[in-house]
Amino acid sequence: MSKFSQGWWWRIFAADFSFSKRQLGQLLLVSGLLLGAAILAIDLIDIGREGGIGPAQRAALIVCGVVALLGLTLIPLGDDPA
């Protein structure tokens, strides 16, 4: 048995693996929050540019918020397969 087949993360590659609704919700929540923070950080770091948050950034922030809210609604649903 190789050392790669001995981890808990190896189950992801199994044919019968599926994410639970809680895991999927946590993944969506964290990704929405991190991407939203990254969009805001890029705007803050790019100080030399005028204009602030534009329409494309605003739309991306709204999408990140919707993804995070969708993740929040999935977390209480428990360990049922997604």
PDB file of N, CA and C in Angstrom:
ATOM      1  N   MET A   1       0.853  -1.172   0.000  1.00  0.00           N
ATOM      2  CA  MET A   1       0.000   0.000   0.000  1.00  0.00           C
ATOM      3  C   MET A   1       0.901   1.237   0.000  1.00  0.00           C
ATOM      4  N   SER A   2       0.651   2.152  -0.898  1.00  0.00           N
ATOM      5  CA  SER A   2       1.503   3.333  -0.981  1.00  0.00           C
ATOM      6  C   SER A   2       1.106   4.351   0.084  1.00  0.00           C
ATOM      7  N   LYS A   3       2.001   5.276   0.315  1.00  0.00           N
ATOM      8  CA  LYS A   3       1.725   6.286   1.340  1.00  0.00           C
ATOM      9  C   LYS A   3       0.618   7.248   0.909  1.00  0.00           C
ATOM     10  N   PHE A   4       0.336   7.339  -0.396  1.00  0.00           N
ATOM     11  CA  PHE A   4      -0.698   8.247  -0.855  1.00  0.00           C
ATOM     12  C   PHE A   4      -2.104   7.711  -0.618  1.00  0.00           C
ATOM     13  N   SER A   5      -2.257   6.417  -0.448  1.00  0.00           N
ATOM     14  CA  SER A   5      -3.586   5.851  -0.247  1.00  0.00           C
ATOM     15  C   SER A   5      -3.959   5.749   1.225  1.00  0.00           C
ATOM     16  N   GLN A   6      -3.164   6.332   2.115  1.00  0.00           N
ATOM     17  CA  GLN A   6      -3.413   6.190   3.539  1.00  0.00           C
ATOM     18  C   GLN A   6      -3.960   7.455   4.198  1.00  0.00           C
ATOM     19  N   GLY A   7      -4.389   8.439   3.470  1.00  0.00           N
ATOM     20  CA  GLY A   7      -4.880   9.670   4.084  1.00  0.00           C
ATOM     21  C   GLY A   7      -6.382   9.789   3.998  1.00  0.00           C
ATOM     22  N   TRP A   8      -6.959  10.599   4.879  1.00  0.00           N
ATOM     23  CA  TRP A   8      -8.402  10.817   4.844  1.00  0.00           C
ATOM     24  C   TRP A   8      -8.802  11.532   3.572  1.00  0.00           C
ATOM     25  N   TRP A   9      -7.908  12.338   3.025  1.00  0.00           N
ATOM     26  CA  TRP A   9      -8.202  13.099   1.812  1.00  0.00           C
ATOM     27  C   TRP A   9      -8.252  12.202   0.588  1.00  0.00           C
ATOM     28  N   TRP A  10      -7.749  10.988   0.674  1.00  0.00           N
ATOM     29  CA  TRP A  10      -7.743  10.075  -0.457  1.00  0.00           C
ATOM     30  C   TRP A  10      -9.156   9.630  -0.811  1.00  0.00           C
ATOM     31  N   ARG A  11     -10.080   9.741   0.129  1.00  0.00           N
ATOM     32  CA  ARG A  11     -11.479   9.353  -0.131  1.00  0.00           C
ATOM     33  C   ARG A  11     -12.112  10.191  -1.228  1.00  0.00           C
ATOM     34  N   ILE A  12     -11.622  11.407  -1.446  1.00  0.00           N
ATOM     35  CA  ILE A  12     -12.197  12.281  -2.465  1.00  0.00           C
ATOM     36  C   ILE A  12     -12.106  11.638  -3.842  1.00  0.00           C
ATOM     37  N   PHE A  13     -11.074  10.840  -4.065  1.00  0.00           N
ATOM     38  CA  PHE A  13     -10.883  10.216  -5.366  1.00  0.00           C
ATOM     39  C   PHE A  13     -11.628   8.892  -5.522  1.00  0.00           C
ATOM     40  N   ALA A  14     -12.326   8.456  -4.496  1.00  0.00           N
ATOM     41  CA  ALA A  14     -13.076   7.208  -4.578  1.00  0.00           C
ATOM     42  C   ALA A  14     -14.317   7.395  -5.455  1.00  0.00           C
ATOM     43  N   ALA A  15     -14.768   6.323  -6.071  1.00  0.00           N
ATOM     44  CA  ALA A  15     -15.911   6.392  -6.982  1.00  0.00           C
ATOM     45  C   ALA A  15     -17.214   6.695  -6.248  1.00  0.00           C
ATOM     46  N   ASP A  16     -17.318   6.319  -4.978  1.00  0.00           N
ATOM     47  CA  ASP A  16     -18.567   6.519  -4.244  1.00  0.00           C
ATOM     48  C   ASP A  16     -18.545   7.753  -3.343  1.00  0.00           C
ATOM     49  N   PHE A  17     -17.570   8.633  -3.518  1.00  0.00           N
ATOM     50  CA  PHE A  17     -17.477   9.827  -2.671  1.00  0.00           C
ATOM     51  C   PHE A  17     -18.448  10.903  -3.149  1.00  0.00           C
ATOM     52  N   SER A  18     -19.078  11.578  -2.202  1.00  0.00           N
ATOM     53  CA  SER A  18     -19.863  12.770  -2.525  1.00  0.00           C
ATOM     54  C   SER A  18     -19.748  13.747  -1.357  1.00  0.00           C
ATOM     55  N   PHE A  19     -19.774  15.018  -1.679  1.00  0.00           N
ATOM     56  CA  PHE A  19     -19.740  16.043  -0.647  1.00  0.00           C
ATOM     57  C   PHE A  19     -21.072  16.062   0.088  1.00  0.00           C
ATOM     58  N   SER A  20     -21.020  16.355   1.372  1.00  0.00           N
ATOM     59  CA  SER A  20     -22.270  16.560   2.103  1.00  0.00           C
ATOM     60  C   SER A  20     -22.712  18.004   1.897  1.00  0.00           C
ATOM     61  N   LYS A  21     -23.956  18.276   2.219  1.00  0.00           N
ATOM     62  CA  LYS A  21     -24.465  19.634   2.077  1.00  0.00           C
ATOM     63  C   LYS A  21     -23.723  20.595   3.003  1.00  0.00           C
ATOM     64  N   ARG A  22     -23.340  20.122   4.171  1.00  0.00           N
ATOM     65  CA  ARG A  22     -22.576  20.949   5.092  1.00  0.00           C
ATOM     66  C   ARG A  22     -21.203  21.289   4.518  1.00  0.00           C
ATOM     67  N   GLN A  23     -20.518  20.295   3.963  1.00  0.00           N
ATOM     68  CA  GLN A  23     -19.198  20.535   3.378  1.00  0.00           C
ATOM     69  C   GLN A  23     -19.288  21.481   2.186  1.00  0.00           C
ATOM     70  N   LEU A  24     -20.278  21.276   1.339  1.00  0.00           N
ATOM     71  CA  LEU A  24     -20.457  22.146   0.191  1.00  0.00           C
ATOM     72  C   LEU A  24     -20.790  23.569   0.637  1.00  0.00           C
ATOM     73  N   GLY A  25     -21.626  23.704   1.663  1.00  0.00           N
ATOM     74  CA  GLY A  25     -21.960  25.020   2.198  1.00  0.00           C
ATOM     75  C   GLY A  25     -20.746  25.726   2.767  1.00  0.00           C
ATOM     76  N   GLN A  26     -19.916  24.992   3.498  1.00  0.00           N
ATOM     77  CA  GLN A  26     -18.704  25.594   4.046  1.00  0.00           C
ATOM     78  C   GLN A  26     -17.756  26.019   2.938  1.00  0.00           C
ATOM     79  N   LEU A  27     -17.636  25.200   1.907  1.00  0.00           N
ATOM     80  CA  LEU A  27     -16.774  25.535   0.789  1.00  0.00           C
ATOM     81  C   LEU A  27     -17.269  26.788   0.068  1.00  0.00           C
ATOM     82  N   LEU A  28     -18.569  26.875  -0.173  1.00  0.00           N
ATOM     83  CA  LEU A  28     -19.135  28.049  -0.846  1.00  0.00           C
ATOM     84  C   LEU A  28     -19.018  29.301   0.021  1.00  0.00           C
ATOM     85  N   LEU A  29     -19.261  29.169   1.318  1.00  0.00           N
ATOM     86  CA  LEU A  29     -19.164  30.320   2.217  1.00  0.00           C
ATOM     87  C   LEU A  29     -17.743  30.865   2.252  1.00  0.00           C
ATOM     88  N   VAL A  30     -16.781  29.989   2.446  1.00  0.00           N
ATOM     89  CA  VAL A  30     -15.387  30.434   2.535  1.00  0.00           C
ATOM     90  C   VAL A  30     -14.922  31.019   1.204  1.00  0.00           C
ATOM     91  N   SER A  31     -15.276  30.370   0.095  1.00  0.00           N
ATOM     92  CA  SER A  31     -14.831  30.894  -1.197  1.00  0.00           C
ATOM     93  C   SER A  31     -15.482  32.236  -1.513  1.00  0.00           C
ATOM     94  N   GLY A  32     -16.758  32.413  -1.197  1.00  0.00           N
ATOM     95  CA  GLY A  32     -17.409  33.699  -1.426  1.00  0.00           C
ATOM     96  C   GLY A  32     -16.795  34.806  -0.596  1.00  0.00           C
ATOM     97  N   LEU A  33     -16.506  34.511   0.675  1.00  0.00           N
ATOM     98  CA  LEU A  33     -15.899  35.530   1.539  1.00  0.00           C
ATOM     99  C   LEU A  33     -14.472  35.866   1.112  1.00  0.00           C
ATOM    100  N   LEU A  34     -13.691  34.831   0.766  1.00  0.00           N
ATOM    101  CA  LEU A  34     -12.302  35.087   0.363  1.00  0.00           C
ATOM    102  C   LEU A  34     -12.225  35.833  -0.968  1.00  0.00           C
ATOM    103  N   LEU A  35     -13.060  35.460  -1.921  1.00  0.00           N
ATOM    104  CA  LEU A  35     -13.044  36.162  -3.199  1.00  0.00           C
ATOM    105  C   LEU A  35     -13.533  37.610  -3.053  1.00  0.00           C
ATOM    106  N   GLY A  36     -14.540  37.823  -2.227  1.00  0.00           N
ATOM    107  CA  GLY A  36     -15.000  39.192  -1.974  1.00  0.00           C
ATOM    108  C   GLY A  36     -13.926  40.033  -1.298  1.00  0.00           C
ATOM    109  N   ALA A  37     -13.232  39.447  -0.337  1.00  0.00           N
ATOM    110  CA  ALA A  37     -12.135  40.170   0.325  1.00  0.00           C
ATOM    111  C   ALA A  37     -11.001  40.439  -0.650  1.00  0.00           C
ATOM    112  N   ALA A  38     -10.730  39.490  -1.553  1.00  0.00           N
ATOM    113  CA  ALA A  38      -9.671  39.697  -2.541  1.00  0.00           C
ATOM    114  C   ALA A  38     -10.024  40.834  -3.494  1.00  0.00           C
ATOM    115  N   ILE A  39     -11.282  40.920  -3.897  1.00  0.00           N
ATOM    116  CA  ILE A  39     -11.704  42.003  -4.793  1.00  0.00           C
ATOM    117  C   ILE A  39     -11.534  43.355  -4.101  1.00  0.00           C
ATOM    118  N   LEU A  40     -11.938  43.429  -2.834  1.00  0.00           N
ATOM    119  CA  LEU A  40     -11.768  44.677  -2.095  1.00  0.00           C
ATOM    120  C   LEU A  40     -10.290  44.997  -1.858  1.00  0.00           C
ATOM    121  N   ALA A  41      -9.478  43.979  -1.582  1.00  0.00           N
ATOM    122  CA  ALA A  41      -8.052  44.193  -1.352  1.00  0.00           C
ATOM    123  C   ALA A  41      -7.362  44.696  -2.618  1.00  0.00           C
ATOM    124  N   ILE A  42      -7.744  44.145  -3.757  1.00  0.00           N
ATOM    125  CA  ILE A  42      -7.165  44.618  -5.021  1.00  0.00           C
ATOM    126  C   ILE A  42      -7.507  46.079  -5.240  1.00  0.00           C
ATOM    127  N   ASP A  43      -8.719  46.470  -4.901  1.00  0.00           N
ATOM    128  CA  ASP A  43      -9.109  47.868  -5.061  1.00  0.00           C
ATOM    129  C   ASP A  43      -8.334  48.766  -4.101  1.00  0.00           C
ATOM    130  N   LEU A  44      -8.095  48.302  -2.886  1.00  0.00           N
ATOM    131  CA  LEU A  44      -7.368  49.114  -1.915  1.00  0.00           C
ATOM    132  C   LEU A  44      -5.878  49.201  -2.237  1.00  0.00           C
ATOM    133  N   ILE A  45      -5.298  48.122  -2.731  1.00  0.00           N
ATOM    134  CA  ILE A  45      -3.874  48.123  -3.057  1.00  0.00           C
ATOM    135  C   ILE A  45      -3.588  48.999  -4.272  1.00  0.00           C
ATOM    136  N   ASP A  46      -4.476  49.044  -5.228  1.00  0.00           N
ATOM    137  CA  ASP A  46      -4.292  49.834  -6.445  1.00  0.00           C
ATOM    138  C   ASP A  46      -4.657  51.294  -6.171  1.00  0.00           C
ATOM    139  N   ILE A  47      -3.848  51.941  -5.351  1.00  0.00           N
ATOM    140  CA  ILE A  47      -4.162  53.286  -4.865  1.00  0.00           C
ATOM    141  C   ILE A  47      -4.066  54.337  -5.963  1.00  0.00           C
ATOM    142  N   GLY A  48      -3.167  54.173  -6.924  1.00  0.00           N
ATOM    143  CA  GLY A  48      -2.951  55.191  -7.944  1.00  0.00           C
ATOM    144  C   GLY A  48      -4.099  55.382  -8.905  1.00  0.00           C
ATOM    145  N   ARG A  49      -5.011  54.452  -8.953  1.00  0.00           N
ATOM    146  CA  ARG A  49      -6.122  54.523  -9.900  1.00  0.00           C
ATOM    147  C   ARG A  49      -7.279  55.301  -9.275  1.00  0.00           C
ATOM    148  N   GLU A  50      -7.900  56.111 -10.063  1.00  0.00           N
ATOM    149  CA  GLU A  50      -9.054  56.878  -9.588  1.00  0.00           C
ATOM    150  C   GLU A  50     -10.348  56.125  -9.891  1.00  0.00           C
ATOM    151  N   GLY A  51     -11.380  56.417  -9.157  1.00  0.00           N
ATOM    152  CA  GLY A  51     -12.700  55.912  -9.498  1.00  0.00           C
ATOM    153  C   GLY A  51     -13.299  54.925  -8.523  1.00  0.00           C
ATOM    154  N   GLY A  52     -12.514  54.283  -7.695  1.00  0.00           N
ATOM    155  CA  GLY A  52     -13.067  53.357  -6.714  1.00  0.00           C
ATOM    156  C   GLY A  52     -13.570  52.071  -7.339  1.00  0.00           C
ATOM    157  N   ILE A  53     -14.630  51.535  -6.771  1.00  0.00           N
ATOM    158  CA  ILE A  53     -15.189  50.271  -7.238  1.00  0.00           C
ATOM    159  C   ILE A  53     -16.085  50.531  -8.445  1.00  0.00           C
ATOM    160  N   GLY A  54     -15.746  49.895  -9.549  1.00  0.00           N
ATOM    161  CA  GLY A  54     -16.499  50.074 -10.784  1.00  0.00           C
ATOM    162  C   GLY A  54     -17.645  49.089 -10.892  1.00  0.00           C
ATOM    163  N   PRO A  55     -18.367  49.146 -12.012  1.00  0.00           N
ATOM    164  CA  PRO A  55     -19.531  48.275 -12.182  1.00  0.00           C
ATOM    165  C   PRO A  55     -19.167  46.788 -12.243  1.00  0.00           C
ATOM    166  N   ALA A  56     -18.037  46.446 -12.848  1.00  0.00           N
ATOM    167  CA  ALA A  56     -17.644  45.037 -12.919  1.00  0.00           C
ATOM    168  C   ALA A  56     -17.280  44.507 -11.531  1.00  0.00           C
ATOM    169  N   GLN A  57     -16.577  45.330 -10.755  1.00  0.00           N
ATOM    170  CA  GLN A  57     -16.236  44.915  -9.386  1.00  0.00           C
ATOM    171  C   GLN A  57     -17.488  44.811  -8.529  1.00  0.00           C
ATOM    172  N   ARG A  58     -18.407  45.725  -8.715  1.00  0.00           N
ATOM    173  CA  ARG A  58     -19.659  45.688  -7.953  1.00  0.00           C
ATOM    174  C   ARG A  58     -20.443  44.419  -8.272  1.00  0.00           C
ATOM    175  N   ALA A  59     -20.503  44.060  -9.552  1.00  0.00           N
ATOM    176  CA  ALA A  59     -21.206  42.836  -9.945  1.00  0.00           C
ATOM    177  C   ALA A  59     -20.507  41.608  -9.362  1.00  0.00           C
ATOM    178  N   ALA A  60     -19.166  41.606  -9.379  1.00  0.00           N
ATOM    179  CA  ALA A  60     -18.424  40.477  -8.816  1.00  0.00           C
ATOM    180  C   ALA A  60     -18.637  40.385  -7.306  1.00  0.00           C
ATOM    181  N   LEU A  61     -18.704  41.518  -6.621  1.00  0.00           N
ATOM    182  CA  LEU A  61     -18.965  41.501  -5.178  1.00  0.00           C
ATOM    183  C   LEU A  61     -20.365  40.979  -4.873  1.00  0.00           C
ATOM    184  N   ILE A  62     -21.326  41.326  -5.707  1.00  0.00           N
ATOM    185  CA  ILE A  62     -22.690  40.824  -5.518  1.00  0.00           C
ATOM    186  C   ILE A  62     -22.718  39.310  -5.722  1.00  0.00           C
ATOM    187  N   VAL A  63     -22.022  38.821  -6.751  1.00  0.00           N
ATOM    188  CA  VAL A  63     -21.968  37.380  -6.991  1.00  0.00           C
ATOM    189  C   VAL A  63     -21.296  36.675  -5.817  1.00  0.00           C
ATOM    190  N   CYS A  64     -20.214  37.251  -5.293  1.00  0.00           N
ATOM    191  CA  CYS A  64     -19.536  36.660  -4.134  1.00  0.00           C
ATOM    192  C   CYS A  64     -20.464  36.625  -2.924  1.00  0.00           C
ATOM    193  N   GLY A  65     -21.245  37.678  -2.727  1.00  0.00           N
ATOM    194  CA  GLY A  65     -22.202  37.707  -1.629  1.00  0.00           C
ATOM    195  C   GLY A  65     -23.287  36.661  -1.780  1.00  0.00           C
ATOM    196  N   VAL A  66     -23.778  36.476  -3.006  1.00  0.00           N
ATOM    197  CA  VAL A  66     -24.802  35.464  -3.255  1.00  0.00           C
ATOM    198  C   VAL A  66     -24.237  34.065  -3.018  1.00  0.00           C
ATOM    199  N   VAL A  67     -22.993  33.824  -3.452  1.00  0.00           N
ATOM    200  CA  VAL A  67     -22.367  32.522  -3.237  1.00  0.00           C
ATOM    201  C   VAL A  67     -22.199  32.264  -1.738  1.00  0.00           C
ATOM    202  N   ALA A  68     -21.759  33.274  -0.986  1.00  0.00           N
ATOM    203  CA  ALA A  68     -21.590  33.117   0.455  1.00  0.00           C
ATOM    204  C   ALA A  68     -22.942  32.859   1.139  1.00  0.00           C
ATOM    205  N   LEU A  69     -23.986  33.567   0.722  1.00  0.00           N
ATOM    206  CA  LEU A  69     -25.315  33.337   1.303  1.00  0.00           C
ATOM    207  C   LEU A  69     -25.858  31.957   0.951  1.00  0.00           C
ATOM    208  N   LEU A  70     -25.603  31.497  -0.261  1.00  0.00           N
ATOM    209  CA  LEU A  70     -26.011  30.152  -0.642  1.00  0.00           C
ATOM    210  C   LEU A  70     -25.301  29.120   0.227  1.00  0.00           C
ATOM    211  N   GLY A  71     -24.016  29.335   0.472  1.00  0.00           N
ATOM    212  CA  GLY A  71     -23.276  28.443   1.352  1.00  0.00           C
ATOM    213  C   GLY A  71     -23.827  28.457   2.763  1.00  0.00           C
ATOM    214  N   LEU A  72     -24.202  29.631   3.242  1.00  0.00           N
ATOM    215  CA  LEU A  72     -24.769  29.739   4.589  1.00  0.00           C
ATOM    216  C   LEU A  72     -26.081  28.972   4.718  1.00  0.00           C
ATOM    217  N   THR A  73     -26.872  28.959   3.647  1.00  0.00           N
ATOM    218  CA  THR A  73     -28.143  28.232   3.718  1.00  0.00           C
ATOM    219  C   THR A  73     -27.943  26.717   3.642  1.00  0.00           C
ATOM    220  N   LEU A  74     -26.836  26.264   3.073  1.00  0.00           N
ATOM    221  CA  LEU A  74     -26.587  24.826   2.965  1.00  0.00           C
ATOM    222  C   LEU A  74     -26.017  24.220   4.250  1.00  0.00           C
ATOM    223  N   ILE A  75     -25.334  25.009   5.042  1.00  0.00           N
ATOM    224  CA  ILE A  75     -24.659  24.473   6.239  1.00  0.00           C
ATOM    225  C   ILE A  75     -25.630  23.797   7.209  1.00  0.00           C
ATOM    226  N   PRO A  76     -26.805  24.375   7.530  1.00  0.00           N
ATOM    227  CA  PRO A  76     -27.685  23.720   8.499  1.00  0.00           C
ATOM    228  C   PRO A  76     -28.353  22.433   7.996  1.00  0.00           C
ATOM    229  N   LEU A  77     -28.239  22.133   6.708  1.00  0.00           N
ATOM    230  CA  LEU A  77     -28.917  20.967   6.165  1.00  0.00           C
ATOM    231  C   LEU A  77     -28.236  19.652   6.515  1.00  0.00           C
ATOM    232  N   GLY A  78     -27.053  19.710   7.078  1.00  0.00           N
ATOM    233  CA  GLY A  78     -26.444  18.522   7.645  1.00  0.00           C
ATOM    234  C   GLY A  78     -25.610  17.700   6.700  1.00  0.00           C
ATOM    235  N   ASP A  79     -25.540  16.410   7.003  1.00  0.00           N
ATOM    236  CA  ASP A  79     -24.624  15.519   6.324  1.00  0.00           C
ATOM    237  C   ASP A  79     -25.264  14.716   5.205  1.00  0.00           C
ATOM    238  N   ASP A  80     -26.403  15.147   4.698  1.00  0.00           N
ATOM    239  CA  ASP A  80     -27.002  14.486   3.549  1.00  0.00           C
ATOM    240  C   ASP A  80     -26.133  14.744   2.314  1.00  0.00           C
ATOM    241  N   PRO A  81     -26.082  13.793   1.379  1.00  0.00           N
ATOM    242  CA  PRO A  81     -25.288  14.030   0.168  1.00  0.00           C
ATOM    243  C   PRO A  81     -25.832  15.212  -0.627  1.00  0.00           C
ATOM    244  N   ALA A  82     -24.911  15.977  -1.173  1.00  0.00           N
ATOM    245  CA  ALA A  82     -25.315  17.161  -1.949  1.00  0.00           C
ATOM    246  C   ALA A  82     -25.726  16.775  -3.349  1.00  0.00           C
TER     247      ALA A  82
END
